[in-house]
């Protein structure tokens, strides 16, 4: 009788994306609060901290000069200007997490997600959105973290980002007051992906 070898799941590179206002940050925070066994990538950014945010937990808050150095020394998987500020994913952080065998989750804007898809076609792409455009605009307006001009830019950008849905593998509607349901759906998708007959093989 031939020996049967149990399949060992390979670590996944997971991208959580979607338009501004869909709740990406809140979803990621809830996943961390629940102690889910993933490596949550901390994005580097040049924007200023918002109230309640912490360096190293929410973002790596760096100066423009430091970010320029990271670009020059090829330390970022991807980077982009998002609403006037730079954001980027540290390459070494992701590689070390994947090498440890952990699933790696990145929170990216839609532009950044598409860049990662080109670099790592086997990445698992999940699009977080609202039930409709009106709800998305309402969330952006009630955040009260933007000037009127900045808010207008975010709303216009979000409308364009909603049209990029077909670039992703899965879509989840993050409904109000159902945050844990959104997190449970993400976990179910990741679990299902680990049971694929032909697993994703991520290389960076």
N, C-alpha and C. Protein backbone atom coordinates (compact mmCIF):
# COMPACT_ATOMS: atom_id res chain seq x y z
N UNK A 1 0.85 -1.18 0.00
CA UNK A 1 0.00 0.00 0.00
C UNK A 1 0.89 1.24 0.00
N UNK A 2 0.56 2.19 -0.87
CA UNK A 2 1.37 3.41 -0.97
C UNK A 2 1.15 4.29 0.25
N UNK A 3 2.19 5.04 0.59
CA UNK A 3 2.11 5.93 1.74
C UNK A 3 1.31 7.18 1.38
N UNK A 4 0.44 7.61 2.26
CA UNK A 4 -0.39 8.80 2.02
C UNK A 4 0.21 9.97 2.80
N UNK A 5 0.57 11.02 2.10
CA UNK A 5 1.15 12.19 2.74
C UNK A 5 0.08 13.26 2.93
N UNK A 6 -0.07 13.70 4.16
CA UNK A 6 -1.03 14.76 4.42
C UNK A 6 -0.57 16.06 3.79
N UNK A 7 -1.52 16.79 3.26
CA UNK A 7 -1.21 18.07 2.63
C UNK A 7 -0.94 19.13 3.68
N UNK A 8 0.15 19.87 3.52
CA UNK A 8 0.48 20.97 4.42
C UNK A 8 0.14 22.29 3.75
N UNK A 9 -0.81 23.04 4.29
CA UNK A 9 -1.21 24.32 3.66
C UNK A 9 -0.03 25.28 3.57
N UNK A 10 0.03 25.99 2.45
CA UNK A 10 1.05 27.01 2.26
C UNK A 10 0.50 28.35 2.76
N UNK A 11 1.38 29.21 3.27
CA UNK A 11 0.90 30.52 3.74
C UNK A 11 0.36 31.36 2.59
N UNK A 12 -0.68 32.10 2.88
CA UNK A 12 -1.32 32.94 1.88
C UNK A 12 -0.92 34.40 2.06
N UNK A 13 -0.86 35.11 0.95
CA UNK A 13 -0.72 36.56 0.97
C UNK A 13 -2.10 37.12 0.67
N UNK A 14 -2.70 37.78 1.65
CA UNK A 14 -4.10 38.21 1.56
C UNK A 14 -4.15 39.73 1.53
N UNK A 15 -4.87 40.25 0.55
CA UNK A 15 -5.03 41.69 0.41
C UNK A 15 -6.47 42.07 0.74
N UNK A 16 -6.62 42.95 1.73
CA UNK A 16 -7.93 43.51 2.07
C UNK A 16 -7.96 44.91 1.48
N UNK A 17 -8.90 45.14 0.56
CA UNK A 17 -8.95 46.43 -0.11
C UNK A 17 -10.40 46.88 -0.27
N UNK A 18 -10.55 48.01 -0.94
CA UNK A 18 -11.88 48.56 -1.14
C UNK A 18 -11.83 50.07 -1.05
N UNK A 19 -12.91 50.74 -1.34
CA UNK A 19 -12.92 52.20 -1.34
C UNK A 19 -12.80 52.79 0.06
N UNK A 20 -12.34 54.02 0.13
CA UNK A 20 -12.28 54.74 1.40
C UNK A 20 -13.69 54.83 1.97
N UNK A 21 -13.82 54.52 3.27
CA UNK A 21 -15.13 54.57 3.91
C UNK A 21 -15.81 53.23 4.02
N UNK A 22 -15.24 52.20 3.39
CA UNK A 22 -15.87 50.88 3.43
C UNK A 22 -15.63 50.17 4.77
N UNK A 23 -14.61 50.62 5.50
CA UNK A 23 -14.35 50.03 6.82
C UNK A 23 -13.16 49.11 6.89
N UNK A 24 -12.19 49.26 5.98
CA UNK A 24 -11.02 48.38 5.96
C UNK A 24 -10.26 48.43 7.28
N UNK A 25 -10.00 49.65 7.76
CA UNK A 25 -9.23 49.79 9.00
C UNK A 25 -9.97 49.16 10.18
N UNK A 26 -11.27 49.37 10.24
CA UNK A 26 -12.07 48.83 11.34
C UNK A 26 -12.09 47.31 11.29
N UNK A 27 -12.19 46.74 10.09
CA UNK A 27 -12.19 45.29 9.94
C UNK A 27 -10.85 44.71 10.40
N UNK A 28 -9.76 45.33 9.97
CA UNK A 28 -8.44 44.85 10.37
C UNK A 28 -8.26 44.94 11.88
N UNK A 29 -8.71 46.04 12.46
CA UNK A 29 -8.59 46.22 13.91
C UNK A 29 -9.38 45.14 14.66
N UNK A 30 -10.57 44.82 14.15
CA UNK A 30 -11.39 43.81 14.81
C UNK A 30 -10.75 42.43 14.70
N UNK A 31 -10.14 42.13 13.57
CA UNK A 31 -9.45 40.86 13.40
C UNK A 31 -8.32 40.72 14.41
N UNK A 32 -7.60 41.81 14.63
CA UNK A 32 -6.50 41.79 15.59
C UNK A 32 -7.02 41.66 17.01
N UNK A 33 -8.12 42.36 17.31
CA UNK A 33 -8.71 42.26 18.65
C UNK A 33 -9.14 40.84 18.97
N UNK A 34 -9.57 40.12 17.95
CA UNK A 34 -10.03 38.74 18.15
C UNK A 34 -8.86 37.75 18.18
N UNK A 35 -7.66 38.26 18.01
CA UNK A 35 -6.48 37.41 18.12
C UNK A 35 -6.36 36.38 17.01
N UNK A 36 -6.79 36.72 15.81
CA UNK A 36 -6.71 35.76 14.70
C UNK A 36 -5.25 35.50 14.34
N UNK A 37 -4.93 34.25 13.96
CA UNK A 37 -3.53 33.83 13.79
C UNK A 37 -2.90 34.24 12.46
N UNK A 38 -2.92 35.53 12.19
CA UNK A 38 -2.34 36.04 10.95
C UNK A 38 -1.28 37.08 11.28
N UNK A 39 -0.39 37.32 10.30
CA UNK A 39 0.52 38.45 10.43
C UNK A 39 -0.13 39.65 9.74
N UNK A 40 -0.37 40.71 10.50
CA UNK A 40 -0.99 41.90 9.95
C UNK A 40 0.11 42.89 9.58
N UNK A 41 0.25 43.13 8.29
CA UNK A 41 1.31 44.02 7.81
C UNK A 41 1.01 45.45 8.24
N UNK A 42 2.03 46.12 8.75
CA UNK A 42 1.90 47.52 9.13
C UNK A 42 2.43 48.38 7.98
N UNK A 43 1.56 49.19 7.41
CA UNK A 43 1.90 50.02 6.26
C UNK A 43 2.68 51.26 6.69
N UNK A 44 3.68 51.62 5.91
CA UNK A 44 4.41 52.87 6.15
C UNK A 44 3.67 54.02 5.47
N UNK A 45 3.58 55.15 6.14
CA UNK A 45 2.90 56.30 5.55
C UNK A 45 3.54 57.60 6.02
N UNK A 46 3.41 58.63 5.18
CA UNK A 46 3.91 59.95 5.55
C UNK A 46 2.81 60.84 6.12
N UNK A 47 1.60 60.35 6.19
CA UNK A 47 0.52 61.20 6.72
C UNK A 47 0.62 61.30 8.24
N UNK A 48 -0.01 62.32 8.78
CA UNK A 48 0.03 62.54 10.22
C UNK A 48 -0.92 61.57 10.93
N UNK A 49 -0.57 61.27 12.18
CA UNK A 49 -1.41 60.37 12.97
C UNK A 49 -2.76 61.02 13.26
N UNK A 50 -3.81 60.18 13.19
CA UNK A 50 -5.12 60.63 13.63
C UNK A 50 -5.27 60.29 15.12
N UNK A 51 -6.26 60.88 15.74
CA UNK A 51 -6.50 60.64 17.16
C UNK A 51 -6.70 59.16 17.43
N UNK A 52 -5.95 58.63 18.39
CA UNK A 52 -6.08 57.23 18.77
C UNK A 52 -5.16 56.28 18.02
N UNK A 53 -4.52 56.74 16.96
CA UNK A 53 -3.62 55.87 16.20
C UNK A 53 -2.25 55.78 16.89
N UNK A 54 -1.60 54.63 16.73
CA UNK A 54 -0.28 54.41 17.33
C UNK A 54 0.72 53.99 16.26
N UNK A 55 1.92 54.53 16.36
CA UNK A 55 3.01 54.13 15.47
C UNK A 55 3.35 52.66 15.71
N UNK A 56 3.45 51.91 14.62
CA UNK A 56 3.80 50.49 14.73
C UNK A 56 2.61 49.57 14.87
N UNK A 57 1.46 50.13 15.23
CA UNK A 57 0.24 49.32 15.32
C UNK A 57 -0.68 49.63 14.14
N UNK A 58 -1.02 50.89 13.97
CA UNK A 58 -1.92 51.29 12.88
C UNK A 58 -1.14 51.53 11.59
N UNK A 59 -0.05 52.25 11.70
CA UNK A 59 0.84 52.53 10.56
C UNK A 59 2.24 52.72 11.10
N UNK A 60 3.21 52.69 10.19
CA UNK A 60 4.56 53.16 10.49
C UNK A 60 4.60 54.61 9.99
N UNK A 61 4.53 55.55 10.90
CA UNK A 61 4.50 56.96 10.52
C UNK A 61 5.94 57.44 10.33
N UNK A 62 6.27 57.80 9.08
CA UNK A 62 7.63 58.19 8.76
C UNK A 62 7.63 59.55 8.06
N UNK A 63 8.80 60.17 8.04
CA UNK A 63 8.95 61.46 7.37
C UNK A 63 9.03 61.25 5.86
N UNK A 64 8.89 62.33 5.12
CA UNK A 64 9.04 62.25 3.66
C UNK A 64 10.44 61.80 3.29
N UNK A 65 11.46 62.27 4.03
CA UNK A 65 12.84 61.89 3.74
C UNK A 65 13.05 60.39 3.97
N UNK A 66 12.48 59.87 5.07
CA UNK A 66 12.63 58.45 5.36
C UNK A 66 11.92 57.60 4.31
N UNK A 67 10.76 58.06 3.88
CA UNK A 67 10.03 57.30 2.87
C UNK A 67 10.80 57.31 1.55
N UNK A 68 11.39 58.44 1.21
CA UNK A 68 12.19 58.52 -0.01
C UNK A 68 13.36 57.55 0.04
N UNK A 69 13.99 57.44 1.24
CA UNK A 69 15.10 56.48 1.40
C UNK A 69 14.62 55.06 1.18
N UNK A 70 13.44 54.72 1.70
CA UNK A 70 12.89 53.37 1.53
C UNK A 70 12.63 53.06 0.06
N UNK A 71 12.19 54.05 -0.68
CA UNK A 71 11.97 53.85 -2.12
C UNK A 71 13.31 53.62 -2.82
N UNK A 72 14.28 54.49 -2.53
CA UNK A 72 15.59 54.42 -3.17
C UNK A 72 16.28 53.08 -2.92
N UNK A 73 16.13 52.56 -1.69
CA UNK A 73 16.80 51.32 -1.33
C UNK A 73 15.94 50.08 -1.58
N UNK A 74 14.85 50.27 -2.34
CA UNK A 74 14.00 49.16 -2.78
C UNK A 74 13.48 48.33 -1.60
N UNK A 75 13.03 49.02 -0.55
CA UNK A 75 12.54 48.33 0.64
C UNK A 75 11.03 48.13 0.64
N UNK A 76 10.35 48.56 -0.43
CA UNK A 76 8.89 48.51 -0.45
C UNK A 76 8.37 47.61 -1.57
N UNK A 77 7.36 46.82 -1.26
CA UNK A 77 6.71 45.99 -2.29
C UNK A 77 5.97 46.89 -3.26
N UNK A 78 5.26 47.84 -2.72
CA UNK A 78 4.55 48.82 -3.54
C UNK A 78 4.44 50.12 -2.76
N UNK A 79 4.30 51.21 -3.48
CA UNK A 79 4.06 52.48 -2.83
C UNK A 79 3.28 53.37 -3.77
N UNK A 80 2.56 54.31 -3.20
CA UNK A 80 1.73 55.20 -4.01
C UNK A 80 1.41 56.44 -3.21
N UNK A 81 1.02 57.48 -3.93
CA UNK A 81 0.51 58.68 -3.27
C UNK A 81 -0.99 58.50 -3.12
N UNK A 82 -1.47 58.55 -1.90
CA UNK A 82 -2.89 58.38 -1.61
C UNK A 82 -3.40 59.63 -0.91
N UNK A 83 -4.23 60.40 -1.61
CA UNK A 83 -4.77 61.65 -1.07
C UNK A 83 -3.67 62.57 -0.57
N UNK A 84 -2.59 62.66 -1.33
CA UNK A 84 -1.52 63.60 -1.02
C UNK A 84 -0.43 63.07 -0.11
N UNK A 85 -0.60 61.87 0.42
CA UNK A 85 0.41 61.28 1.30
C UNK A 85 0.92 59.97 0.71
N UNK A 86 2.17 59.63 1.02
CA UNK A 86 2.75 58.38 0.55
C UNK A 86 2.36 57.22 1.48
N UNK A 87 2.09 56.07 0.86
CA UNK A 87 1.89 54.83 1.61
C UNK A 87 2.66 53.73 0.92
N UNK A 88 3.18 52.78 1.70
CA UNK A 88 3.92 51.69 1.10
C UNK A 88 4.01 50.48 2.01
N UNK A 89 4.24 49.30 1.42
CA UNK A 89 4.32 48.04 2.15
C UNK A 89 5.78 47.61 2.27
N UNK A 90 6.32 47.52 3.49
CA UNK A 90 7.70 47.07 3.68
C UNK A 90 7.91 45.63 3.21
N UNK A 91 8.85 45.45 2.31
CA UNK A 91 9.09 44.16 1.68
C UNK A 91 9.58 43.10 2.67
N UNK A 92 10.56 43.45 3.50
CA UNK A 92 11.16 42.48 4.40
C UNK A 92 10.16 41.94 5.41
N UNK A 93 9.28 42.81 5.88
CA UNK A 93 8.26 42.41 6.85
C UNK A 93 7.38 41.29 6.27
N UNK A 94 6.98 41.43 5.02
CA UNK A 94 6.12 40.45 4.38
C UNK A 94 6.86 39.14 4.13
N UNK A 95 8.08 39.23 3.63
CA UNK A 95 8.85 38.02 3.34
C UNK A 95 9.13 37.21 4.60
N UNK A 96 9.48 37.88 5.68
CA UNK A 96 9.76 37.17 6.92
C UNK A 96 8.52 36.49 7.48
N UNK A 97 7.38 37.15 7.36
CA UNK A 97 6.13 36.56 7.86
C UNK A 97 5.74 35.33 7.05
N UNK A 98 5.85 35.42 5.74
CA UNK A 98 5.53 34.26 4.89
C UNK A 98 6.49 33.11 5.17
N UNK A 99 7.77 33.43 5.37
CA UNK A 99 8.77 32.39 5.64
C UNK A 99 8.48 31.68 6.96
N UNK A 100 7.83 32.36 7.89
CA UNK A 100 7.51 31.76 9.18
C UNK A 100 6.31 30.81 9.08
N UNK A 101 5.64 30.82 7.91
CA UNK A 101 4.49 29.94 7.71
C UNK A 101 3.16 30.58 8.02
N UNK A 102 3.17 31.86 8.41
CA UNK A 102 1.92 32.55 8.74
C UNK A 102 1.26 33.13 7.49
N UNK A 103 -0.08 33.13 7.49
CA UNK A 103 -0.80 33.89 6.48
C UNK A 103 -0.54 35.37 6.75
N UNK A 104 -0.36 36.13 5.67
CA UNK A 104 -0.04 37.54 5.79
C UNK A 104 -1.19 38.37 5.22
N UNK A 105 -1.67 39.32 6.00
CA UNK A 105 -2.78 40.16 5.56
C UNK A 105 -2.32 41.60 5.42
N UNK A 106 -2.60 42.18 4.24
CA UNK A 106 -2.25 43.56 3.98
C UNK A 106 -3.51 44.37 3.72
N UNK A 107 -3.56 45.57 4.27
CA UNK A 107 -4.65 46.50 4.02
C UNK A 107 -4.14 47.52 3.00
N UNK A 108 -4.78 47.57 1.83
CA UNK A 108 -4.31 48.44 0.76
C UNK A 108 -5.46 49.18 0.10
N UNK A 109 -5.16 50.35 -0.44
CA UNK A 109 -6.14 51.00 -1.30
C UNK A 109 -6.20 50.22 -2.62
N UNK A 110 -7.19 50.51 -3.43
CA UNK A 110 -7.40 49.73 -4.65
C UNK A 110 -6.21 49.81 -5.60
N UNK A 111 -5.61 50.98 -5.72
CA UNK A 111 -4.44 51.14 -6.57
C UNK A 111 -3.29 50.25 -6.11
N UNK A 112 -3.04 50.25 -4.81
CA UNK A 112 -1.98 49.41 -4.27
C UNK A 112 -2.26 47.94 -4.43
N UNK A 113 -3.52 47.55 -4.27
CA UNK A 113 -3.91 46.15 -4.42
C UNK A 113 -3.63 45.65 -5.84
N UNK A 114 -3.90 46.48 -6.81
CA UNK A 114 -3.66 46.08 -8.20
C UNK A 114 -2.17 45.97 -8.50
N UNK A 115 -1.36 46.79 -7.84
CA UNK A 115 0.09 46.69 -8.00
C UNK A 115 0.59 45.36 -7.44
N UNK A 116 0.08 44.98 -6.27
CA UNK A 116 0.49 43.71 -5.65
C UNK A 116 0.03 42.54 -6.50
N UNK A 117 -1.13 42.62 -7.08
CA UNK A 117 -1.64 41.55 -7.95
C UNK A 117 -0.67 41.29 -9.11
N UNK A 118 -0.09 42.36 -9.65
CA UNK A 118 0.86 42.21 -10.76
C UNK A 118 2.14 41.54 -10.28
N UNK A 119 2.59 41.88 -9.06
CA UNK A 119 3.82 41.31 -8.52
C UNK A 119 3.62 39.89 -8.02
N UNK A 120 2.45 39.64 -7.43
CA UNK A 120 2.16 38.33 -6.84
C UNK A 120 0.77 37.88 -7.31
N UNK A 121 0.68 37.33 -8.53
CA UNK A 121 -0.62 36.96 -9.10
C UNK A 121 -1.41 35.97 -8.25
N UNK A 122 -0.74 35.22 -7.38
CA UNK A 122 -1.43 34.23 -6.54
C UNK A 122 -1.93 34.80 -5.23
N UNK A 123 -1.77 36.09 -5.02
CA UNK A 123 -2.28 36.72 -3.80
C UNK A 123 -3.80 36.60 -3.77
N UNK A 124 -4.35 36.45 -2.59
CA UNK A 124 -5.80 36.35 -2.39
C UNK A 124 -6.35 37.76 -2.21
N UNK A 125 -7.23 38.20 -3.11
CA UNK A 125 -7.70 39.58 -3.14
C UNK A 125 -9.15 39.66 -2.67
N UNK A 126 -9.38 40.40 -1.58
CA UNK A 126 -10.72 40.54 -1.01
C UNK A 126 -11.12 42.01 -1.02
N UNK A 127 -12.26 42.29 -1.60
CA UNK A 127 -12.77 43.66 -1.75
C UNK A 127 -13.86 43.91 -0.72
N UNK A 128 -13.63 44.89 0.15
CA UNK A 128 -14.61 45.28 1.17
C UNK A 128 -15.38 46.50 0.67
N UNK A 129 -16.71 46.46 0.76
CA UNK A 129 -17.49 47.60 0.29
C UNK A 129 -18.72 47.79 1.16
N UNK A 130 -19.51 48.79 0.82
CA UNK A 130 -20.76 49.05 1.52
C UNK A 130 -21.92 48.52 0.68
N UNK A 131 -23.12 48.59 1.25
CA UNK A 131 -24.27 48.05 0.55
C UNK A 131 -24.58 48.81 -0.73
N UNK A 132 -24.31 50.12 -0.73
CA UNK A 132 -24.53 50.92 -1.92
C UNK A 132 -23.68 52.20 -1.83
N UNK A 133 -23.69 52.97 -2.90
CA UNK A 133 -22.86 54.17 -2.96
C UNK A 133 -23.33 55.22 -1.95
N UNK A 134 -24.62 55.37 -1.75
CA UNK A 134 -25.14 56.36 -0.80
C UNK A 134 -24.61 56.10 0.61
N UNK A 135 -24.56 54.82 0.99
CA UNK A 135 -24.05 54.48 2.32
C UNK A 135 -22.57 54.82 2.44
N UNK A 136 -21.83 54.58 1.36
CA UNK A 136 -20.40 54.89 1.36
C UNK A 136 -20.18 56.39 1.54
N UNK A 137 -20.92 57.20 0.81
CA UNK A 137 -20.79 58.66 0.92
C UNK A 137 -21.18 59.12 2.33
N UNK A 138 -22.22 58.53 2.88
CA UNK A 138 -22.66 58.88 4.23
C UNK A 138 -21.57 58.60 5.26
N UNK A 139 -20.89 57.45 5.12
CA UNK A 139 -19.83 57.11 6.07
C UNK A 139 -18.67 58.11 5.97
N UNK A 140 -18.32 58.47 4.76
CA UNK A 140 -17.23 59.42 4.57
C UNK A 140 -17.59 60.79 5.17
N UNK A 141 -18.82 61.19 5.01
CA UNK A 141 -19.26 62.50 5.52
C UNK A 141 -19.30 62.52 7.05
N UNK A 142 -19.69 61.40 7.66
CA UNK A 142 -19.85 61.37 9.11
C UNK A 142 -18.53 61.14 9.85
N UNK A 143 -17.47 60.76 9.12
CA UNK A 143 -16.17 60.58 9.79
C UNK A 143 -15.61 61.90 10.32
N UNK A 144 -15.89 62.99 9.57
CA UNK A 144 -15.45 64.34 9.95
C UNK A 144 -13.94 64.43 10.19
N UNK A 145 -13.19 63.72 9.35
CA UNK A 145 -11.73 63.77 9.45
C UNK A 145 -11.11 64.52 8.28
N UNK A 146 -11.95 65.05 7.38
CA UNK A 146 -11.46 65.69 6.17
C UNK A 146 -11.98 67.12 6.05
N UNK A 147 -11.24 67.94 5.31
CA UNK A 147 -11.76 69.23 4.90
C UNK A 147 -12.79 68.99 3.80
N UNK A 148 -13.55 70.02 3.45
CA UNK A 148 -14.57 69.87 2.40
C UNK A 148 -13.95 69.45 1.07
N UNK A 149 -12.81 70.07 0.73
CA UNK A 149 -12.14 69.73 -0.54
C UNK A 149 -11.61 68.30 -0.51
N UNK A 150 -11.00 67.92 0.61
CA UNK A 150 -10.46 66.56 0.74
C UNK A 150 -11.57 65.53 0.69
N UNK A 151 -12.70 65.84 1.32
CA UNK A 151 -13.84 64.92 1.31
C UNK A 151 -14.36 64.73 -0.10
N UNK A 152 -14.43 65.79 -0.87
CA UNK A 152 -14.91 65.70 -2.25
C UNK A 152 -14.01 64.79 -3.08
N UNK A 153 -12.69 64.90 -2.85
CA UNK A 153 -11.73 64.06 -3.57
C UNK A 153 -11.92 62.59 -3.18
N UNK A 154 -12.10 62.33 -1.88
CA UNK A 154 -12.28 60.95 -1.42
C UNK A 154 -13.55 60.33 -2.01
N UNK A 155 -14.62 61.10 -2.05
CA UNK A 155 -15.87 60.58 -2.59
C UNK A 155 -15.73 60.27 -4.08
N UNK A 156 -15.10 61.17 -4.82
CA UNK A 156 -14.89 60.94 -6.26
C UNK A 156 -14.00 59.72 -6.50
N UNK A 157 -12.94 59.60 -5.68
CA UNK A 157 -12.03 58.45 -5.81
C UNK A 157 -12.75 57.15 -5.47
N UNK A 158 -13.55 57.18 -4.40
CA UNK A 158 -14.28 55.98 -3.98
C UNK A 158 -15.22 55.49 -5.07
N UNK A 159 -15.86 56.42 -5.76
CA UNK A 159 -16.77 56.03 -6.84
C UNK A 159 -16.02 55.31 -7.97
N UNK A 160 -14.81 55.79 -8.26
CA UNK A 160 -14.00 55.12 -9.28
C UNK A 160 -13.54 53.75 -8.80
N UNK A 161 -13.18 53.66 -7.52
CA UNK A 161 -12.67 52.40 -6.98
C UNK A 161 -13.75 51.31 -6.98
N UNK A 162 -14.98 51.70 -6.82
CA UNK A 162 -16.08 50.72 -6.85
C UNK A 162 -16.14 50.00 -8.19
N UNK A 163 -15.64 50.65 -9.23
CA UNK A 163 -15.66 50.04 -10.57
C UNK A 163 -14.52 49.05 -10.80
N UNK A 164 -13.61 48.90 -9.81
CA UNK A 164 -12.47 47.99 -9.95
C UNK A 164 -12.73 46.63 -9.34
N UNK A 165 -13.98 46.37 -9.02
CA UNK A 165 -14.35 45.14 -8.32
C UNK A 165 -13.88 43.88 -9.05
N UNK A 166 -13.91 43.87 -10.36
CA UNK A 166 -13.58 42.66 -11.12
C UNK A 166 -12.11 42.28 -11.03
N UNK A 167 -11.28 43.15 -10.44
CA UNK A 167 -9.86 42.82 -10.27
C UNK A 167 -9.63 41.93 -9.05
N UNK A 168 -10.71 41.64 -8.30
CA UNK A 168 -10.58 40.91 -7.03
C UNK A 168 -11.21 39.52 -7.11
N UNK A 169 -10.87 38.69 -6.12
CA UNK A 169 -11.38 37.31 -6.08
C UNK A 169 -12.70 37.21 -5.35
N UNK A 170 -12.86 38.01 -4.29
CA UNK A 170 -14.06 37.95 -3.45
C UNK A 170 -14.51 39.37 -3.12
N UNK A 171 -15.81 39.52 -2.87
CA UNK A 171 -16.35 40.80 -2.42
C UNK A 171 -17.19 40.55 -1.16
N UNK A 172 -17.04 41.43 -0.17
CA UNK A 172 -17.80 41.32 1.07
C UNK A 172 -18.45 42.67 1.35
N UNK A 173 -19.76 42.67 1.58
CA UNK A 173 -20.46 43.89 1.97
C UNK A 173 -20.34 44.03 3.49
N UNK A 174 -19.64 45.08 3.91
CA UNK A 174 -19.42 45.33 5.33
C UNK A 174 -20.56 46.20 5.86
N UNK A 175 -21.63 45.56 6.28
CA UNK A 175 -22.82 46.29 6.71
C UNK A 175 -22.64 46.90 8.10
N UNK A 176 -23.36 47.98 8.34
CA UNK A 176 -23.33 48.63 9.65
C UNK A 176 -23.77 47.65 10.73
N UNK A 177 -23.04 47.68 11.86
CA UNK A 177 -23.36 46.88 13.04
C UNK A 177 -23.22 45.37 12.81
N UNK A 178 -22.50 44.98 11.74
CA UNK A 178 -22.28 43.56 11.47
C UNK A 178 -20.80 43.29 11.23
N UNK A 179 -19.96 43.99 12.01
CA UNK A 179 -18.52 43.89 11.84
C UNK A 179 -18.02 42.46 12.04
N UNK A 180 -18.51 41.79 13.06
CA UNK A 180 -18.04 40.43 13.32
C UNK A 180 -18.45 39.47 12.21
N UNK A 181 -19.59 39.73 11.60
CA UNK A 181 -20.01 38.90 10.47
C UNK A 181 -19.05 39.08 9.29
N UNK A 182 -18.61 40.31 9.07
CA UNK A 182 -17.62 40.57 8.01
C UNK A 182 -16.33 39.81 8.30
N UNK A 183 -15.87 39.88 9.55
CA UNK A 183 -14.64 39.17 9.93
C UNK A 183 -14.82 37.66 9.78
N UNK A 184 -15.96 37.13 10.17
CA UNK A 184 -16.22 35.70 10.03
C UNK A 184 -16.20 35.27 8.57
N UNK A 185 -16.71 36.12 7.70
CA UNK A 185 -16.71 35.81 6.26
C UNK A 185 -15.30 35.77 5.71
N UNK A 186 -14.47 36.72 6.14
CA UNK A 186 -13.06 36.72 5.71
C UNK A 186 -12.38 35.44 6.17
N UNK A 187 -12.61 35.05 7.42
CA UNK A 187 -12.01 33.81 7.95
C UNK A 187 -12.48 32.60 7.15
N UNK A 188 -13.75 32.57 6.78
CA UNK A 188 -14.28 31.44 6.02
C UNK A 188 -13.62 31.36 4.64
N UNK A 189 -13.40 32.51 4.02
CA UNK A 189 -12.75 32.54 2.71
C UNK A 189 -11.32 32.01 2.81
N UNK A 190 -10.59 32.49 3.82
CA UNK A 190 -9.20 32.04 4.01
C UNK A 190 -9.15 30.54 4.29
N UNK A 191 -10.06 30.07 5.12
CA UNK A 191 -10.11 28.64 5.44
C UNK A 191 -10.38 27.82 4.18
N UNK A 192 -11.32 28.28 3.37
CA UNK A 192 -11.63 27.56 2.12
C UNK A 192 -10.43 27.54 1.18
N UNK A 193 -9.71 28.66 1.12
CA UNK A 193 -8.53 28.73 0.24
C UNK A 193 -7.46 27.73 0.66
N UNK A 194 -7.38 27.45 1.96
CA UNK A 194 -6.39 26.47 2.44
C UNK A 194 -6.80 25.04 2.11
N UNK A 195 -8.00 24.84 1.61
CA UNK A 195 -8.46 23.51 1.24
C UNK A 195 -8.57 23.33 -0.28
N UNK A 196 -7.98 24.24 -1.02
CA UNK A 196 -7.99 24.10 -2.49
C UNK A 196 -7.14 22.91 -2.91
N UNK A 197 -7.60 22.23 -3.94
CA UNK A 197 -6.81 21.13 -4.50
C UNK A 197 -5.53 21.67 -5.13
N UNK A 198 -5.64 22.80 -5.78
CA UNK A 198 -4.48 23.45 -6.36
C UNK A 198 -4.23 24.75 -5.57
N UNK A 199 -3.38 24.67 -4.55
CA UNK A 199 -3.18 25.83 -3.67
C UNK A 199 -2.46 26.99 -4.38
N UNK A 200 -2.68 28.18 -3.86
CA UNK A 200 -1.97 29.34 -4.34
C UNK A 200 -0.52 29.27 -3.89
N UNK A 201 0.40 29.57 -4.76
CA UNK A 201 1.82 29.56 -4.41
C UNK A 201 2.36 30.97 -4.57
N UNK A 202 2.53 31.64 -3.44
CA UNK A 202 2.91 33.04 -3.44
C UNK A 202 4.41 33.20 -3.44
N UNK A 203 4.92 34.02 -4.36
CA UNK A 203 6.34 34.37 -4.38
C UNK A 203 6.46 35.87 -4.52
N UNK A 204 7.45 36.43 -3.84
CA UNK A 204 7.70 37.87 -3.90
C UNK A 204 9.18 38.12 -4.19
